[in-house]
N, C-alpha and C. Protein backbone atom coordinates (compact mmCIF):
# COMPACT_ATOMS: atom_id res chain seq x y z
N MET A 1 87.19 147.86 58.49
CA MET A 1 87.48 147.90 59.91
C MET A 1 86.62 148.98 60.54
N SER A 2 85.82 148.60 61.49
CA SER A 2 84.94 149.57 62.13
C SER A 2 85.72 150.32 63.21
N ASP A 3 85.29 150.23 64.45
CA ASP A 3 85.99 150.95 65.52
C ASP A 3 87.15 150.11 66.03
N TRP A 4 88.27 150.75 66.23
CA TRP A 4 89.45 150.07 66.76
C TRP A 4 90.15 151.00 67.73
N PHE A 5 90.96 150.42 68.57
CA PHE A 5 91.72 151.19 69.54
C PHE A 5 93.05 151.63 68.94
N VAL A 6 93.50 152.83 69.33
CA VAL A 6 94.84 153.25 68.97
C VAL A 6 95.81 152.23 69.59
N GLY A 7 96.76 151.76 68.81
CA GLY A 7 97.72 150.77 69.29
C GLY A 7 97.28 149.33 69.07
N GLU A 8 96.05 149.13 68.64
CA GLU A 8 95.58 147.77 68.36
C GLU A 8 96.36 147.20 67.19
N ILE A 9 96.71 145.94 67.28
CA ILE A 9 97.43 145.28 66.19
C ILE A 9 96.51 144.27 65.54
N ARG A 10 96.45 144.32 64.22
CA ARG A 10 95.63 143.37 63.46
C ARG A 10 96.48 142.69 62.39
N ILE A 11 96.02 141.50 62.02
CA ILE A 11 96.68 140.74 60.96
C ILE A 11 95.87 140.92 59.70
N LEU A 12 96.54 141.29 58.61
CA LEU A 12 95.86 141.51 57.33
C LEU A 12 96.42 140.55 56.28
N PRO A 13 95.54 140.04 55.40
CA PRO A 13 95.97 139.03 54.43
C PRO A 13 96.46 139.58 53.10
N TYR A 14 96.79 140.85 53.02
CA TYR A 14 97.27 141.42 51.76
C TYR A 14 98.54 142.23 52.01
N SER A 15 99.26 142.54 50.94
CA SER A 15 100.55 143.22 51.11
C SER A 15 100.60 144.57 50.42
N ARG A 16 99.47 145.14 50.07
CA ARG A 16 99.50 146.41 49.34
C ARG A 16 99.76 147.62 50.22
N GLY A 17 100.12 147.40 51.45
CA GLY A 17 100.41 148.49 52.36
C GLY A 17 99.37 148.55 53.47
N ALA A 18 99.68 149.36 54.46
CA ALA A 18 98.77 149.48 55.60
C ALA A 18 97.59 150.38 55.22
N PRO A 19 96.40 150.09 55.74
CA PRO A 19 95.25 150.96 55.49
C PRO A 19 95.47 152.34 56.12
N LEU A 20 94.70 153.31 55.73
CA LEU A 20 94.77 154.66 56.27
C LEU A 20 94.55 154.60 57.79
N GLY A 21 95.42 155.23 58.54
CA GLY A 21 95.32 155.22 60.00
C GLY A 21 96.02 154.04 60.65
N TRP A 22 96.73 153.27 59.85
CA TRP A 22 97.46 152.10 60.35
C TRP A 22 98.90 152.16 59.86
N GLN A 23 99.78 151.48 60.54
CA GLN A 23 101.20 151.43 60.19
C GLN A 23 101.65 149.97 60.25
N ARG A 24 102.43 149.55 59.27
CA ARG A 24 102.97 148.18 59.32
C ARG A 24 103.82 147.99 60.58
N CYS A 25 103.73 146.83 61.16
CA CYS A 25 104.56 146.49 62.33
C CYS A 25 105.91 145.99 61.81
N ASP A 26 106.73 146.94 61.36
CA ASP A 26 108.00 146.60 60.73
C ASP A 26 109.19 147.27 61.42
N GLY A 27 108.97 147.75 62.65
CA GLY A 27 110.06 148.37 63.39
C GLY A 27 110.33 149.81 62.99
N SER A 28 109.48 150.39 62.16
CA SER A 28 109.69 151.77 61.71
C SER A 28 109.69 152.75 62.88
N LEU A 29 110.45 153.83 62.71
CA LEU A 29 110.42 154.93 63.66
C LEU A 29 109.42 155.96 63.16
N LEU A 30 108.51 156.37 64.04
CA LEU A 30 107.51 157.39 63.71
C LEU A 30 107.84 158.65 64.49
N THR A 31 107.39 159.79 63.97
CA THR A 31 107.61 161.03 64.70
C THR A 31 106.53 161.18 65.77
N ILE A 32 106.96 161.60 66.94
CA ILE A 32 106.05 161.76 68.07
C ILE A 32 105.02 162.84 67.76
N SER A 33 105.46 163.95 67.14
CA SER A 33 104.55 165.07 66.88
C SER A 33 103.40 164.68 65.96
N GLU A 34 103.57 163.68 65.10
CA GLU A 34 102.50 163.25 64.20
C GLU A 34 101.71 162.07 64.73
N ASN A 35 102.16 161.47 65.83
CA ASN A 35 101.52 160.27 66.38
C ASN A 35 101.52 160.30 67.90
N GLU A 36 101.10 161.45 68.48
CA GLU A 36 101.20 161.65 69.93
C GLU A 36 100.42 160.62 70.74
N VAL A 37 99.21 160.29 70.30
CA VAL A 37 98.38 159.37 71.08
C VAL A 37 99.02 157.98 71.13
N LEU A 38 99.49 157.49 69.99
CA LEU A 38 100.15 156.18 69.98
C LEU A 38 101.41 156.21 70.84
N PHE A 39 102.16 157.32 70.78
CA PHE A 39 103.37 157.44 71.60
C PHE A 39 103.03 157.40 73.09
N ILE A 40 101.92 158.06 73.49
CA ILE A 40 101.50 158.05 74.90
C ILE A 40 101.28 156.61 75.36
N LEU A 41 100.75 155.77 74.47
CA LEU A 41 100.43 154.39 74.84
C LEU A 41 101.64 153.46 74.86
N ILE A 42 102.53 153.56 73.87
CA ILE A 42 103.62 152.57 73.80
C ILE A 42 105.01 153.14 74.09
N GLY A 43 105.15 154.46 74.12
CA GLY A 43 106.44 155.05 74.45
C GLY A 43 107.56 154.53 73.56
N THR A 44 108.70 154.25 74.16
CA THR A 44 109.86 153.79 73.39
C THR A 44 110.14 152.30 73.63
N ILE A 45 109.12 151.53 73.98
CA ILE A 45 109.30 150.08 74.19
C ILE A 45 109.94 149.44 72.96
N TYR A 46 109.58 149.91 71.78
CA TYR A 46 110.03 149.28 70.53
C TYR A 46 111.07 150.13 69.79
N GLY A 47 111.68 151.09 70.48
CA GLY A 47 112.74 151.88 69.89
C GLY A 47 112.41 153.36 69.82
N GLY A 48 113.34 154.11 69.28
CA GLY A 48 113.19 155.56 69.18
C GLY A 48 113.92 156.27 70.30
N ASP A 49 114.03 157.59 70.16
CA ASP A 49 114.76 158.37 71.16
C ASP A 49 113.86 158.97 72.23
N GLY A 50 112.53 158.90 72.05
CA GLY A 50 111.60 159.44 73.03
C GLY A 50 111.49 160.94 73.02
N GLN A 51 112.29 161.61 72.19
CA GLN A 51 112.24 163.07 72.06
C GLN A 51 111.56 163.46 70.76
N ILE A 52 112.00 162.83 69.68
CA ILE A 52 111.46 163.12 68.35
C ILE A 52 110.78 161.89 67.76
N THR A 53 111.34 160.71 68.03
CA THR A 53 110.83 159.48 67.41
C THR A 53 110.50 158.40 68.44
N PHE A 54 109.70 157.45 68.00
CA PHE A 54 109.43 156.22 68.74
C PHE A 54 109.20 155.11 67.72
N GLY A 55 109.42 153.89 68.14
CA GLY A 55 109.30 152.76 67.22
C GLY A 55 108.01 151.99 67.39
N VAL A 56 107.58 151.37 66.29
CA VAL A 56 106.46 150.44 66.35
C VAL A 56 107.05 149.03 66.44
N PRO A 57 106.29 148.06 66.93
CA PRO A 57 106.82 146.70 67.01
C PRO A 57 107.27 146.19 65.64
N ASP A 58 108.31 145.38 65.64
CA ASP A 58 108.78 144.74 64.40
C ASP A 58 108.39 143.26 64.48
N LEU A 59 107.32 142.90 63.80
CA LEU A 59 106.82 141.53 63.83
C LEU A 59 107.21 140.74 62.58
N ARG A 60 108.11 141.30 61.78
CA ARG A 60 108.57 140.57 60.60
C ARG A 60 109.33 139.33 61.05
N GLY A 61 108.86 138.16 60.63
CA GLY A 61 109.54 136.92 60.95
C GLY A 61 109.46 136.53 62.42
N ARG A 62 108.51 137.10 63.16
CA ARG A 62 108.38 136.82 64.59
C ARG A 62 106.99 136.31 64.91
N VAL A 63 106.89 135.56 65.98
CA VAL A 63 105.61 135.08 66.48
C VAL A 63 105.33 135.83 67.78
N PRO A 64 104.23 136.59 67.85
CA PRO A 64 103.94 137.30 69.10
C PRO A 64 103.52 136.33 70.20
N VAL A 65 103.96 136.61 71.42
CA VAL A 65 103.54 135.84 72.59
C VAL A 65 103.08 136.83 73.66
N HIS A 66 102.18 136.39 74.52
CA HIS A 66 101.64 137.26 75.56
C HIS A 66 102.70 137.55 76.61
N GLN A 67 102.68 138.76 77.15
CA GLN A 67 103.59 139.12 78.23
C GLN A 67 103.17 138.46 79.53
N GLY A 68 104.08 138.39 80.47
CA GLY A 68 103.76 137.84 81.78
C GLY A 68 104.32 136.45 81.97
N THR A 69 103.70 135.70 82.89
CA THR A 69 104.15 134.35 83.20
C THR A 69 102.99 133.38 83.07
N GLY A 70 103.34 132.16 82.90
CA GLY A 70 102.36 131.08 82.86
C GLY A 70 102.98 129.87 83.53
N ARG A 71 102.16 128.92 83.89
CA ARG A 71 102.66 127.73 84.58
C ARG A 71 103.69 127.02 83.71
N GLY A 72 104.88 126.83 84.25
CA GLY A 72 105.95 126.15 83.54
C GLY A 72 106.66 127.01 82.51
N LEU A 73 106.35 128.30 82.45
CA LEU A 73 106.95 129.19 81.45
C LEU A 73 107.83 130.23 82.13
N THR A 74 108.75 130.79 81.38
CA THR A 74 109.57 131.88 81.90
C THR A 74 108.82 133.19 81.71
N THR A 75 109.15 134.19 82.51
CA THR A 75 108.50 135.49 82.44
C THR A 75 108.89 136.21 81.15
N ARG A 76 107.92 136.83 80.50
CA ARG A 76 108.15 137.63 79.30
C ARG A 76 107.68 139.06 79.58
N THR A 77 108.56 140.03 79.31
CA THR A 77 108.18 141.42 79.49
C THR A 77 107.77 142.01 78.15
N LEU A 78 106.93 143.03 78.20
CA LEU A 78 106.44 143.68 76.99
C LEU A 78 107.61 144.19 76.15
N GLY A 79 107.66 143.83 74.89
CA GLY A 79 108.71 144.27 73.99
C GLY A 79 109.95 143.38 73.97
N GLU A 80 110.00 142.37 74.84
CA GLU A 80 111.16 141.48 74.92
C GLU A 80 111.24 140.58 73.69
N LEU A 81 112.42 140.49 73.10
CA LEU A 81 112.66 139.59 71.97
C LEU A 81 113.16 138.26 72.49
N GLY A 82 112.87 137.19 71.77
CA GLY A 82 113.34 135.88 72.18
C GLY A 82 113.43 134.94 71.00
N GLY A 83 114.11 133.84 71.19
CA GLY A 83 114.18 132.81 70.16
C GLY A 83 115.29 133.04 69.15
N PHE A 84 115.51 132.01 68.34
CA PHE A 84 116.57 132.03 67.34
C PHE A 84 116.06 131.37 66.06
N ASP A 85 116.54 131.83 64.91
CA ASP A 85 116.17 131.22 63.63
C ASP A 85 116.78 129.85 63.46
N SER A 86 117.98 129.67 64.01
CA SER A 86 118.63 128.36 63.92
C SER A 86 119.34 128.07 65.24
N VAL A 87 119.53 126.79 65.51
CA VAL A 87 120.09 126.36 66.78
C VAL A 87 121.08 125.22 66.54
N THR A 88 122.19 125.25 67.26
CA THR A 88 123.13 124.13 67.26
C THR A 88 122.96 123.41 68.59
N LEU A 89 122.52 122.17 68.54
CA LEU A 89 122.31 121.40 69.76
C LEU A 89 123.65 121.04 70.40
N THR A 90 123.67 121.04 71.70
CA THR A 90 124.83 120.55 72.44
C THR A 90 124.54 119.12 72.88
N VAL A 91 125.55 118.41 73.30
CA VAL A 91 125.38 117.01 73.71
C VAL A 91 124.31 116.87 74.80
N PRO A 92 124.29 117.72 75.84
CA PRO A 92 123.25 117.55 76.87
C PRO A 92 121.82 117.76 76.34
N GLU A 93 121.66 118.47 75.22
CA GLU A 93 120.33 118.72 74.67
C GLU A 93 119.82 117.59 73.77
N MET A 94 120.70 116.70 73.39
CA MET A 94 120.30 115.59 72.52
C MET A 94 119.63 114.49 73.34
N ALA A 95 118.74 113.77 72.71
CA ALA A 95 118.10 112.64 73.37
C ALA A 95 119.16 111.59 73.70
N ARG A 96 119.01 110.96 74.84
CA ARG A 96 119.96 109.92 75.22
C ARG A 96 119.86 108.77 74.22
N HIS A 97 120.99 108.35 73.69
CA HIS A 97 120.99 107.28 72.70
C HIS A 97 122.38 106.64 72.64
N ALA A 98 122.46 105.51 71.96
CA ALA A 98 123.73 104.80 71.79
C ALA A 98 123.94 104.50 70.32
N HIS A 99 125.18 104.38 69.93
CA HIS A 99 125.54 104.01 68.57
C HIS A 99 126.19 102.63 68.64
N ALA A 100 125.48 101.64 68.19
CA ALA A 100 126.05 100.29 68.17
C ALA A 100 126.86 100.13 66.89
N MET A 101 128.02 99.51 67.02
CA MET A 101 128.86 99.27 65.85
C MET A 101 129.11 97.77 65.78
N MET A 102 128.71 97.16 64.70
CA MET A 102 128.84 95.71 64.55
C MET A 102 130.02 95.38 63.63
N ALA A 103 130.64 94.23 63.86
CA ALA A 103 131.78 93.81 63.05
C ALA A 103 131.68 92.32 62.75
N SER A 104 132.34 91.94 61.67
CA SER A 104 132.38 90.54 61.25
C SER A 104 133.81 90.19 60.88
N THR A 105 134.17 88.94 60.99
CA THR A 105 135.51 88.51 60.57
C THR A 105 135.55 88.19 59.08
N ASP A 106 134.40 88.30 58.39
CA ASP A 106 134.38 88.08 56.94
C ASP A 106 135.21 89.15 56.24
N VAL A 107 135.67 88.84 55.05
CA VAL A 107 136.44 89.79 54.25
C VAL A 107 135.48 90.83 53.67
N GLY A 108 135.89 92.09 53.72
CA GLY A 108 135.07 93.17 53.21
C GLY A 108 134.86 93.12 51.72
N THR A 109 133.66 93.58 51.29
CA THR A 109 133.31 93.57 49.87
C THR A 109 132.79 94.91 49.39
N ALA A 110 132.68 95.89 50.27
CA ALA A 110 132.11 97.19 49.88
C ALA A 110 132.84 98.32 50.58
N SER A 111 132.78 99.51 49.96
CA SER A 111 133.45 100.67 50.55
C SER A 111 132.47 101.61 51.26
N ALA A 112 131.15 101.37 51.11
CA ALA A 112 130.14 102.20 51.78
C ALA A 112 129.45 101.37 52.86
N PRO A 113 129.16 101.96 54.02
CA PRO A 113 128.64 101.18 55.14
C PRO A 113 127.14 100.90 55.15
N ALA A 114 126.39 101.36 54.16
CA ALA A 114 124.93 101.22 54.19
C ALA A 114 124.49 99.78 54.37
N ASP A 115 123.75 99.51 55.46
CA ASP A 115 123.19 98.19 55.77
C ASP A 115 124.24 97.09 55.87
N LEU A 116 125.48 97.43 56.16
CA LEU A 116 126.56 96.44 56.26
C LEU A 116 127.23 96.55 57.63
N VAL A 117 128.18 95.69 57.87
CA VAL A 117 128.95 95.74 59.12
C VAL A 117 130.43 95.87 58.80
N LEU A 118 131.18 96.32 59.78
CA LEU A 118 132.63 96.44 59.61
C LEU A 118 133.21 95.04 59.38
N ALA A 119 134.17 94.95 58.46
CA ALA A 119 134.72 93.64 58.09
C ALA A 119 136.25 93.68 58.06
N THR A 120 136.84 92.53 57.81
CA THR A 120 138.28 92.42 57.62
C THR A 120 138.61 93.00 56.25
N VAL A 121 139.61 93.85 56.20
CA VAL A 121 139.99 94.48 54.93
C VAL A 121 140.81 93.49 54.11
N PRO A 122 140.40 93.23 52.85
CA PRO A 122 141.17 92.30 52.02
C PRO A 122 142.52 92.91 51.66
N ALA A 123 143.51 92.09 51.47
CA ALA A 123 144.86 92.55 51.14
C ALA A 123 144.91 93.29 49.82
N ALA A 124 144.08 92.91 48.85
CA ALA A 124 144.13 93.49 47.51
C ALA A 124 143.42 94.84 47.42
N ALA A 125 142.53 95.16 48.33
CA ALA A 125 141.77 96.42 48.25
C ALA A 125 141.77 97.09 49.61
N ASP A 126 142.27 98.33 49.65
CA ASP A 126 142.36 98.99 50.95
C ASP A 126 141.12 99.82 51.32
N ASP A 127 140.06 99.75 50.48
CA ASP A 127 138.86 100.51 50.80
C ASP A 127 137.62 99.64 50.98
N GLN A 128 137.80 98.35 51.08
CA GLN A 128 136.68 97.42 51.24
C GLN A 128 136.50 97.08 52.73
N PHE A 129 135.98 98.04 53.48
CA PHE A 129 135.86 97.90 54.93
C PHE A 129 134.60 97.18 55.39
N TYR A 130 133.62 96.98 54.51
CA TYR A 130 132.30 96.53 54.95
C TYR A 130 131.86 95.25 54.24
N ALA A 131 131.05 94.46 54.95
CA ALA A 131 130.52 93.22 54.40
C ALA A 131 129.13 92.97 54.98
N THR A 132 128.38 92.10 54.32
CA THR A 132 127.09 91.69 54.84
C THR A 132 127.32 90.75 56.01
N ALA A 133 126.56 90.95 57.07
CA ALA A 133 126.70 90.04 58.22
C ALA A 133 126.20 88.67 57.80
N PRO A 134 126.98 87.64 58.00
CA PRO A 134 126.57 86.29 57.60
C PRO A 134 125.27 85.88 58.29
N ALA A 135 124.40 85.20 57.57
CA ALA A 135 123.13 84.74 58.13
C ALA A 135 123.39 83.79 59.29
N GLY A 136 122.65 83.98 60.35
CA GLY A 136 122.77 83.10 61.50
C GLY A 136 123.96 83.37 62.39
N VAL A 137 124.82 84.31 62.00
CA VAL A 137 125.99 84.64 62.81
C VAL A 137 125.64 85.83 63.68
N THR A 138 125.95 85.74 64.92
CA THR A 138 125.68 86.83 65.85
C THR A 138 126.80 87.85 65.76
N THR A 139 126.41 89.11 65.56
CA THR A 139 127.41 90.18 65.56
C THR A 139 127.49 90.73 66.98
N VAL A 140 128.61 91.31 67.31
CA VAL A 140 128.84 91.81 68.66
C VAL A 140 129.05 93.32 68.59
N PRO A 141 128.34 94.08 69.42
CA PRO A 141 128.56 95.53 69.40
C PRO A 141 129.90 95.88 70.04
N PHE A 142 130.54 96.92 69.50
CA PHE A 142 131.78 97.42 70.08
C PHE A 142 131.44 98.12 71.40
N PRO A 143 132.37 98.18 72.33
CA PRO A 143 132.14 98.97 73.55
C PRO A 143 131.99 100.45 73.17
N THR A 144 131.15 101.18 73.91
CA THR A 144 130.93 102.59 73.59
C THR A 144 132.21 103.40 73.65
N SER A 145 133.18 102.97 74.42
CA SER A 145 134.45 103.70 74.50
C SER A 145 135.23 103.63 73.19
N MET A 146 134.87 102.70 72.29
CA MET A 146 135.59 102.54 71.04
C MET A 146 134.89 103.20 69.86
N VAL A 147 133.67 103.68 70.05
CA VAL A 147 132.92 104.30 68.95
C VAL A 147 133.12 105.80 69.02
N ARG A 148 133.60 106.38 67.94
CA ARG A 148 133.92 107.81 67.90
C ARG A 148 132.66 108.67 67.88
N LEU A 149 132.82 109.93 68.29
CA LEU A 149 131.74 110.90 68.20
C LEU A 149 131.47 111.22 66.74
N SER A 150 130.25 111.60 66.46
CA SER A 150 129.92 112.02 65.11
C SER A 150 129.16 113.33 65.18
N GLY A 151 128.96 113.95 64.04
CA GLY A 151 128.25 115.22 63.98
C GLY A 151 129.20 116.33 63.62
N GLY A 152 128.63 117.41 63.11
CA GLY A 152 129.47 118.51 62.66
C GLY A 152 129.22 119.82 63.36
N ASN A 153 128.45 119.81 64.47
CA ASN A 153 128.14 121.04 65.20
C ASN A 153 127.53 122.11 64.32
N GLN A 154 126.74 121.70 63.34
CA GLN A 154 126.09 122.65 62.45
C GLN A 154 124.71 123.01 63.00
N ALA A 155 124.32 124.25 62.82
CA ALA A 155 123.00 124.70 63.25
C ALA A 155 121.93 124.10 62.34
N HIS A 156 120.75 123.92 62.91
CA HIS A 156 119.62 123.46 62.11
C HIS A 156 118.52 124.50 62.17
N ASP A 157 117.67 124.51 61.15
CA ASP A 157 116.56 125.45 61.08
C ASP A 157 115.63 125.20 62.26
N ASN A 158 115.26 126.27 62.94
CA ASN A 158 114.43 126.17 64.13
C ASN A 158 113.04 126.77 63.90
N THR A 159 112.66 126.95 62.64
CA THR A 159 111.41 127.62 62.31
C THR A 159 110.26 126.63 62.24
N ALA A 160 109.20 126.93 62.96
CA ALA A 160 107.98 126.12 62.87
C ALA A 160 107.31 126.43 61.52
N PRO A 161 106.40 125.57 61.06
CA PRO A 161 105.68 125.89 59.83
C PRO A 161 105.00 127.26 59.95
N THR A 162 105.10 128.05 58.91
CA THR A 162 104.61 129.43 58.98
C THR A 162 103.72 129.79 57.79
N LEU A 163 102.98 130.86 57.96
CA LEU A 163 102.22 131.50 56.89
C LEU A 163 102.47 132.98 57.05
N SER A 164 103.01 133.63 56.04
CA SER A 164 103.34 135.05 56.13
C SER A 164 102.10 135.90 55.89
N LEU A 165 101.84 136.79 56.84
CA LEU A 165 100.75 137.75 56.76
C LEU A 165 101.30 139.10 57.18
N GLN A 166 100.49 140.13 57.09
CA GLN A 166 100.93 141.48 57.42
C GLN A 166 100.32 141.92 58.76
N TYR A 167 101.17 142.32 59.70
CA TYR A 167 100.71 142.88 60.97
C TYR A 167 100.72 144.40 60.85
N CYS A 168 99.64 145.03 61.31
CA CYS A 168 99.56 146.49 61.30
C CYS A 168 99.09 146.98 62.66
N ILE A 169 99.57 148.17 63.05
CA ILE A 169 99.18 148.79 64.32
C ILE A 169 98.40 150.07 64.01
N ALA A 170 97.31 150.29 64.74
CA ALA A 170 96.47 151.48 64.53
C ALA A 170 97.17 152.71 65.09
N THR A 171 97.30 153.74 64.26
CA THR A 171 97.90 155.00 64.70
C THR A 171 96.83 156.00 65.10
N VAL A 172 95.59 155.75 64.71
CA VAL A 172 94.44 156.58 65.10
C VAL A 172 93.31 155.64 65.52
N GLY A 173 92.33 156.18 66.21
CA GLY A 173 91.19 155.38 66.64
C GLY A 173 90.74 155.79 68.02
N VAL A 174 90.03 154.90 68.69
CA VAL A 174 89.50 155.15 70.03
C VAL A 174 90.61 154.99 71.05
N PHE A 175 90.72 155.95 71.98
CA PHE A 175 91.73 155.83 73.03
C PHE A 175 91.27 154.77 74.01
N PRO A 176 92.11 153.76 74.29
CA PRO A 176 91.68 152.68 75.18
C PRO A 176 91.71 153.12 76.65
N THR A 177 90.53 153.17 77.25
CA THR A 177 90.46 153.51 78.67
C THR A 177 90.55 152.23 79.48
N GLN A 178 91.12 152.33 80.67
CA GLN A 178 91.25 151.16 81.53
C GLN A 178 90.00 151.00 82.38
N SER A 179 89.59 149.75 82.58
CA SER A 179 88.39 149.52 83.40
C SER A 179 88.75 149.35 84.85
């Protein structure tokens, strides 16, 4: 690494620790007295008491996004956290869809519904609810008011495909002047 700015963040492809003059972006608290220039630049945006300590960004398991606004986007402020590892969808968030339920007057022959339709339960077996729809016979969908809700309100993983790398912030280097 040649010349870099204090506070610059770089991605490194190894895990043996941060290079000299760099600190892992792991949310660590640093002492102000040993890192005055970096503290002048980032203050307590990422934590610390501002008297003795200040924090570096914690990018573990996070995707950095630019601050500000963009067309069709919500405003993001520097240091703002967002997003969730898992999400439970609510009914309004699901794609509009219908669940058709087909039935036949044939006597049931199976207890599992895979590729079958609801059937008449035979007197001898109380778990034979399903049968193959007879060839050439039209099945009729049940009204939506008769089909029960399904789902278990369980969260699902919300993580995009990832590659883990190491983010480091420069604690020494060239002071970035504004143009």
